[in-house]
PDB file of all heavy atoms in Angstrom:
ATOM      1  N   PRO A   1    -140.546 -76.440 113.491  1.00  0.00           N
ATOM      2  CA  PRO A   1    -141.090 -75.789 114.759  1.00  0.00           C
ATOM      3  C   PRO A   1    -140.961 -76.663 116.012  1.00  0.00           C
ATOM      4  O   PRO A   1    -141.889 -76.881 116.674  1.00  0.00           O
ATOM      5  CB  PRO A   1    -142.545 -75.540 114.361  1.00  0.00           C
ATOM      6  CG  PRO A   1    -142.947 -76.679 113.482  1.00  0.00           C
ATOM      7  CD  PRO A   1    -141.655 -76.965 112.622  1.00  0.00           C
ATOM      8  N   LEU A   2    -139.702 -77.241 116.142  1.00  0.00           N
ATOM      9  CA  LEU A   2    -139.566 -78.172 117.226  1.00  0.00           C
ATOM     10  C   LEU A   2    -138.055 -78.121 117.678  1.00  0.00           C
ATOM     11  O   LEU A   2    -137.197 -78.242 116.854  1.00  0.00           O
ATOM     12  CB  LEU A   2    -139.898 -79.562 116.750  1.00  0.00           C
ATOM     13  CG  LEU A   2    -139.834 -80.717 117.727  1.00  0.00           C
ATOM     14  CD1 LEU A   2    -140.926 -80.518 118.825  1.00  0.00           C
ATOM     15  CD2 LEU A   2    -140.096 -82.026 117.066  1.00  0.00           C
ATOM     16  N   HIS A   3    -137.873 -77.846 118.983  1.00  0.00           N
ATOM     17  CA  HIS A   3    -136.531 -77.841 119.485  1.00  0.00           C
ATOM     18  C   HIS A   3    -136.050 -79.205 119.959  1.00  0.00           C
ATOM     19  O   HIS A   3    -134.992 -79.753 119.504  1.00  0.00           O
ATOM     20  CB  HIS A   3    -136.371 -76.822 120.628  1.00  0.00           C
ATOM     21  CG  HIS A   3    -135.033 -76.758 121.271  1.00  0.00           C
ATOM     22  ND1 HIS A   3    -133.912 -76.230 120.569  1.00  0.00           N
ATOM     23  CD2 HIS A   3    -134.576 -77.201 122.479  1.00  0.00           C
ATOM     24  CE1 HIS A   3    -132.863 -76.349 121.296  1.00  0.00           C
ATOM     25  NE2 HIS A   3    -133.178 -76.889 122.485  1.00  0.00           N
ATOM     26  N   SER A   4    -136.851 -79.781 120.808  1.00  0.00           N
ATOM     27  CA  SER A   4    -136.518 -81.132 121.313  1.00  0.00           C
ATOM     28  C   SER A   4    -137.590 -82.082 120.937  1.00  0.00           C
ATOM     29  O   SER A   4    -138.757 -81.749 120.869  1.00  0.00           O
ATOM     30  CB  SER A   4    -136.383 -81.109 122.857  1.00  0.00           C
ATOM     31  OG  SER A   4    -135.353 -80.244 123.265  1.00  0.00           O
ATOM     32  N   LEU A   5    -137.191 -83.330 120.666  1.00  0.00           N
ATOM     33  CA  LEU A   5    -138.140 -84.338 120.236  1.00  0.00           C
ATOM     34  C   LEU A   5    -139.247 -84.511 121.289  1.00  0.00           C
ATOM     35  O   LEU A   5    -140.481 -84.712 120.921  1.00  0.00           O
ATOM     36  CB  LEU A   5    -137.446 -85.713 120.049  1.00  0.00           C
ATOM     37  CG  LEU A   5    -136.457 -85.791 118.922  1.00  0.00           C
ATOM     38  CD1 LEU A   5    -135.781 -87.144 118.844  1.00  0.00           C
ATOM     39  CD2 LEU A   5    -137.089 -85.451 117.564  1.00  0.00           C
ATOM     40  N   GLU A   6    -138.877 -84.435 122.576  1.00  0.00           N
ATOM     41  CA  GLU A   6    -139.927 -84.645 123.592  1.00  0.00           C
ATOM     42  C   GLU A   6    -140.901 -83.537 123.718  1.00  0.00           C
ATOM     43  O   GLU A   6    -141.934 -83.579 124.421  1.00  0.00           O
ATOM     44  CB  GLU A   6    -139.249 -84.952 124.913  1.00  0.00           C
ATOM     45  CG  GLU A   6    -138.357 -83.806 125.449  1.00  0.00           C
ATOM     46  CD  GLU A   6    -136.907 -84.008 125.000  1.00  0.00           C
ATOM     47  OE1 GLU A   6    -136.652 -84.542 123.943  1.00  0.00           O
ATOM     48  OE2 GLU A   6    -136.023 -83.610 125.843  1.00  0.00           O
ATOM     49  N   ASP A   7    -140.656 -82.393 123.036  1.00  0.00           N
ATOM     50  CA  ASP A   7    -141.560 -81.271 123.091  1.00  0.00           C
ATOM     51  C   ASP A   7    -142.705 -81.363 122.049  1.00  0.00           C
ATOM     52  O   ASP A   7    -143.594 -80.479 122.026  1.00  0.00           O
ATOM     53  CB  ASP A   7    -140.795 -79.932 122.891  1.00  0.00           C
ATOM     54  CG  ASP A   7    -139.881 -79.606 124.007  1.00  0.00           C
ATOM     55  OD1 ASP A   7    -140.040 -80.178 125.098  1.00  0.00           O
ATOM     56  OD2 ASP A   7    -138.845 -78.928 123.736  1.00  0.00           O
ATOM     57  N   ALA A   8    -142.656 -82.339 121.165  1.00  0.00           N
ATOM     58  CA  ALA A   8    -143.668 -82.431 120.113  1.00  0.00           C
ATOM     59  C   ALA A   8    -145.030 -82.698 120.672  1.00  0.00           C
ATOM     60  O   ALA A   8    -145.160 -83.330 121.712  1.00  0.00           O
ATOM     61  CB  ALA A   8    -143.230 -83.557 119.109  1.00  0.00           C
ATOM     62  N   ARG A   9    -146.058 -82.249 119.939  1.00  0.00           N
ATOM     63  CA  ARG A   9    -147.440 -82.546 120.336  1.00  0.00           C
ATOM     64  C   ARG A   9    -147.852 -83.979 120.254  1.00  0.00           C
ATOM     65  O   ARG A   9    -148.648 -84.489 120.987  1.00  0.00           O
ATOM     66  CB  ARG A   9    -148.377 -81.699 119.536  1.00  0.00           C
ATOM     67  CG  ARG A   9    -148.396 -80.172 119.887  1.00  0.00           C
ATOM     68  CD  ARG A   9    -149.009 -79.319 118.836  1.00  0.00           C
ATOM     69  NE  ARG A   9    -150.399 -79.658 118.665  1.00  0.00           N
ATOM     70  CZ  ARG A   9    -151.169 -79.090 117.671  1.00  0.00           C
ATOM     71  NH1 ARG A   9    -150.592 -78.183 116.952  1.00  0.00           N
ATOM     72  NH2 ARG A   9    -152.472 -79.433 117.608  1.00  0.00           N
ATOM     73  N   LEU A  10    -147.142 -84.695 119.287  1.00  0.00           N
ATOM     74  CA  LEU A  10    -147.317 -86.100 119.197  1.00  0.00           C
ATOM     75  C   LEU A  10    -145.978 -86.779 119.517  1.00  0.00           C
ATOM     76  O   LEU A  10    -144.952 -86.235 119.105  1.00  0.00           O
ATOM     77  CB  LEU A  10    -147.713 -86.533 117.784  1.00  0.00           C
ATOM     78  CG  LEU A  10    -149.190 -86.470 117.313  1.00  0.00           C
ATOM     79  CD1 LEU A  10    -149.232 -86.788 115.827  1.00  0.00           C
ATOM     80  CD2 LEU A  10    -150.060 -87.366 118.111  1.00  0.00           C
ATOM     81  N   PRO A  11    -145.942 -87.886 120.192  1.00  0.00           N
ATOM     82  CA  PRO A  11    -144.698 -88.577 120.425  1.00  0.00           C
ATOM     83  C   PRO A  11    -144.074 -88.942 119.103  1.00  0.00           C
ATOM     84  O   PRO A  11    -144.732 -89.488 118.184  1.00  0.00           O
ATOM     85  CB  PRO A  11    -145.107 -89.894 121.155  1.00  0.00           C
ATOM     86  CG  PRO A  11    -146.361 -89.521 121.855  1.00  0.00           C
ATOM     87  CD  PRO A  11    -147.086 -88.575 120.883  1.00  0.00           C
ATOM     88  N   VAL A  12    -142.769 -88.615 118.958  1.00  0.00           N
ATOM     89  CA  VAL A  12    -142.042 -88.875 117.691  1.00  0.00           C
ATOM     90  C   VAL A  12    -140.743 -89.622 117.972  1.00  0.00           C
ATOM     91  O   VAL A  12    -140.089 -89.328 118.949  1.00  0.00           O
ATOM     92  CB  VAL A  12    -141.791 -87.503 116.943  1.00  0.00           C
ATOM     93  CG1 VAL A  12    -141.012 -86.531 117.775  1.00  0.00           C
ATOM     94  CG2 VAL A  12    -141.083 -87.793 115.600  1.00  0.00           C
ATOM     95  N   HIS A  13    -140.489 -90.584 117.086  1.00  0.00           N
ATOM     96  CA  HIS A  13    -139.296 -91.399 117.213  1.00  0.00           C
ATOM     97  C   HIS A  13    -138.543 -91.415 115.885  1.00  0.00           C
ATOM     98  O   HIS A  13    -139.134 -91.601 114.827  1.00  0.00           O
ATOM     99  CB  HIS A  13    -139.656 -92.816 117.581  1.00  0.00           C
ATOM    100  CG  HIS A  13    -140.571 -92.897 118.811  1.00  0.00           C
ATOM    101  ND1 HIS A  13    -140.153 -92.848 120.060  1.00  0.00           N
ATOM    102  CD2 HIS A  13    -141.916 -92.964 118.888  1.00  0.00           C
ATOM    103  CE1 HIS A  13    -141.109 -92.862 120.899  1.00  0.00           C
ATOM    104  NE2 HIS A  13    -142.224 -92.977 120.250  1.00  0.00           N
ATOM    105  N   VAL A  14    -137.262 -91.106 115.905  1.00  0.00           N
ATOM    106  CA  VAL A  14    -136.430 -91.015 114.713  1.00  0.00           C
ATOM    107  C   VAL A  14    -135.441 -92.198 114.708  1.00  0.00           C
ATOM    108  O   VAL A  14    -134.744 -92.454 115.688  1.00  0.00           O
ATOM    109  CB  VAL A  14    -135.633 -89.696 114.737  1.00  0.00           C
ATOM    110  CG1 VAL A  14    -134.669 -89.664 113.504  1.00  0.00           C
ATOM    111  CG2 VAL A  14    -136.633 -88.499 114.588  1.00  0.00           C
ATOM    112  N   VAL A  15    -135.339 -92.842 113.611  1.00  0.00           N
ATOM    113  CA  VAL A  15    -134.500 -94.057 113.448  1.00  0.00           C
ATOM    114  C   VAL A  15    -133.255 -93.656 112.671  1.00  0.00           C
ATOM    115  O   VAL A  15    -133.350 -93.104 111.604  1.00  0.00           O
ATOM    116  CB  VAL A  15    -135.286 -95.178 112.720  1.00  0.00           C
ATOM    117  CG1 VAL A  15    -134.303 -96.412 112.486  1.00  0.00           C
ATOM    118  CG2 VAL A  15    -136.449 -95.578 113.563  1.00  0.00           C
ATOM    119  N   ALA A  16    -132.108 -93.956 113.241  1.00  0.00           N
ATOM    120  CA  ALA A  16    -130.782 -93.818 112.593  1.00  0.00           C
ATOM    121  C   ALA A  16    -130.062 -95.147 112.674  1.00  0.00           C
ATOM    122  O   ALA A  16    -130.526 -96.115 113.179  1.00  0.00           O
ATOM    123  CB  ALA A  16    -130.016 -92.682 113.222  1.00  0.00           C
ATOM    124  N   THR A  17    -128.795 -95.095 112.182  1.00  0.00           N
ATOM    125  CA  THR A  17    -127.943 -96.340 112.152  1.00  0.00           C
ATOM    126  C   THR A  17    -126.594 -95.991 112.789  1.00  0.00           C
ATOM    127  O   THR A  17    -126.018 -94.950 112.395  1.00  0.00           O
ATOM    128  CB  THR A  17    -127.790 -96.836 110.736  1.00  0.00           C
ATOM    129  OG1 THR A  17    -129.091 -97.008 110.105  1.00  0.00           O
ATOM    130  CG2 THR A  17    -127.026 -98.110 110.743  1.00  0.00           C
ATOM    131  N   ASP A  18    -126.130 -96.823 113.694  1.00  0.00           N
ATOM    132  CA  ASP A  18    -124.772 -96.586 114.213  1.00  0.00           C
ATOM    133  C   ASP A  18    -123.736 -97.255 113.398  1.00  0.00           C
ATOM    134  O   ASP A  18    -124.038 -97.936 112.386  1.00  0.00           O
ATOM    135  CB  ASP A  18    -124.658 -97.035 115.730  1.00  0.00           C
ATOM    136  CG  ASP A  18    -124.830 -98.527 115.883  1.00  0.00           C
ATOM    137  OD1 ASP A  18    -124.608 -99.354 114.913  1.00  0.00           O
ATOM    138  OD2 ASP A  18    -125.084 -99.015 117.013  1.00  0.00           O
ATOM    139  N   LEU A  19    -122.491 -97.067 113.683  1.00  0.00           N
ATOM    140  CA  LEU A  19    -121.431 -97.572 112.839  1.00  0.00           C
ATOM    141  C   LEU A  19    -121.304 -99.104 112.827  1.00  0.00           C
ATOM    142  O   LEU A  19    -120.565 -99.690 112.028  1.00  0.00           O
ATOM    143  CB  LEU A  19    -120.048 -96.978 113.306  1.00  0.00           C
ATOM    144  CG  LEU A  19    -119.973 -95.447 113.107  1.00  0.00           C
ATOM    145  CD1 LEU A  19    -118.588 -94.947 113.493  1.00  0.00           C
ATOM    146  CD2 LEU A  19    -120.279 -95.031 111.673  1.00  0.00           C
ATOM    147  N   ALA A  20    -121.935 -99.703 113.795  1.00  0.00           N
ATOM    148  CA  ALA A  20    -121.989-101.199 113.843  1.00  0.00           C
ATOM    149  C   ALA A  20    -123.153-101.695 112.959  1.00  0.00           C
ATOM    150  O   ALA A  20    -123.325-102.948 112.858  1.00  0.00           O
ATOM    151  CB  ALA A  20    -122.049-101.718 115.262  1.00  0.00           C
ATOM    152  N   GLY A  21    -123.861-100.824 112.441  1.00  0.00           N
ATOM    153  CA  GLY A  21    -125.008-101.308 111.571  1.00  0.00           C
ATOM    154  C   GLY A  21    -126.284-101.565 112.308  1.00  0.00           C
ATOM    155  O   GLY A  21    -127.299-102.064 111.743  1.00  0.00           O
ATOM    156  N   ALA A  22    -126.342-101.180 113.620  1.00  0.00           N
ATOM    157  CA  ALA A  22    -127.543-101.395 114.391  1.00  0.00           C
ATOM    158  C   ALA A  22    -128.454-100.196 114.337  1.00  0.00           C
ATOM    159  O   ALA A  22    -128.049 -99.016 114.229  1.00  0.00           O
ATOM    160  CB  ALA A  22    -127.212-101.606 115.867  1.00  0.00           C
ATOM    161  N   SER A  23    -129.781-100.468 114.375  1.00  0.00           N
ATOM    162  CA  SER A  23    -130.797 -99.473 114.368  1.00  0.00           C
ATOM    163  C   SER A  23    -130.795 -98.726 115.728  1.00  0.00           C
ATOM    164  O   SER A  23    -130.798 -99.388 116.789  1.00  0.00           O
ATOM    165  CB  SER A  23    -132.132-100.065 114.038  1.00  0.00           C
ATOM    166  OG  SER A  23    -133.162 -99.053 114.055  1.00  0.00           O
ATOM    167  N   VAL A  24    -130.881 -97.381 115.709  1.00  0.00           N
ATOM    168  CA  VAL A  24    -130.912 -96.581 116.953  1.00  0.00           C
ATOM    169  C   VAL A  24    -132.170 -95.728 116.899  1.00  0.00           C
ATOM    170  O   VAL A  24    -132.374 -95.023 115.912  1.00  0.00           O
ATOM    171  CB  VAL A  24    -129.674 -95.688 117.035  1.00  0.00           C
ATOM    172  CG1 VAL A  24    -129.779 -94.801 118.292  1.00  0.00           C
ATOM    173  CG2 VAL A  24    -128.427 -96.533 117.086  1.00  0.00           C
ATOM    174  N   CYS A  25    -132.974 -95.861 117.901  1.00  0.00           N
ATOM    175  CA  CYS A  25    -134.234 -95.073 118.005  1.00  0.00           C
ATOM    176  C   CYS A  25    -134.043 -93.856 118.888  1.00  0.00           C
ATOM    177  O   CYS A  25    -133.720 -94.007 120.091  1.00  0.00           O
ATOM    178  CB  CYS A  25    -135.333 -95.940 118.516  1.00  0.00           C
ATOM    179  SG  CYS A  25    -136.979 -95.110 118.589  1.00  0.00           S
ATOM    180  N   LEU A  26    -134.196 -92.680 118.356  1.00  0.00           N
ATOM    181  CA  LEU A  26    -134.024 -91.383 119.063  1.00  0.00           C
ATOM    182  C   LEU A  26    -135.397 -90.867 119.389  1.00  0.00           C
ATOM    183  O   LEU A  26    -136.210 -90.629 118.517  1.00  0.00           O
ATOM    184  CB  LEU A  26    -133.248 -90.426 118.268  1.00  0.00           C
ATOM    185  CG  LEU A  26    -131.893 -90.859 117.744  1.00  0.00           C
ATOM    186  CD1 LEU A  26    -131.224 -89.849 116.726  1.00  0.00           C
ATOM    187  CD2 LEU A  26    -130.959 -91.043 118.940  1.00  0.00           C
ATOM    188  N   SER A  27    -135.716 -90.717 120.694  1.00  0.00           N
ATOM    189  CA  SER A  27    -137.024 -90.244 121.165  1.00  0.00           C
ATOM    190  C   SER A  27    -136.837 -89.006 122.067  1.00  0.00           C
ATOM    191  O   SER A  27    -137.900 -88.380 122.433  1.00  0.00           O
ATOM    192  CB  SER A  27    -137.760 -91.336 121.948  1.00  0.00           C
ATOM    193  OG  SER A  27    -137.843 -92.554 121.230  1.00  0.00           O
ATOM    194  N   ARG A  28    -135.696 -88.610 122.372  1.00  0.00           N
ATOM    195  CA  ARG A  28    -135.427 -87.412 123.219  1.00  0.00           C
ATOM    196  C   ARG A  28    -134.266 -86.681 122.599  1.00  0.00           C
ATOM    197  O   ARG A  28    -133.387 -87.262 121.907  1.00  0.00           O
ATOM    198  CB  ARG A  28    -135.186 -87.756 124.643  1.00  0.00           C
ATOM    199  CG  ARG A  28    -136.319 -88.519 125.338  1.00  0.00           C
ATOM    200  CD  ARG A  28    -135.998 -88.834 126.800  1.00  0.00           C
ATOM    201  NE  ARG A  28    -135.803 -87.613 127.571  1.00  0.00           N
ATOM    202  CZ  ARG A  28    -136.836 -86.902 128.048  1.00  0.00           C
ATOM    203  NH1 ARG A  28    -138.104 -87.292 127.861  1.00  0.00           N
ATOM    204  NH2 ARG A  28    -136.623 -85.805 128.746  1.00  0.00           N
TER     205      ARG A  28
END
């Protein structure tokens, strides 16, 4: 029940990994 991360009732941050092996934090 969420279209955009920034629309959440609680701030939410999603962690992924790029091709260089670095951690990427997605918040929007």
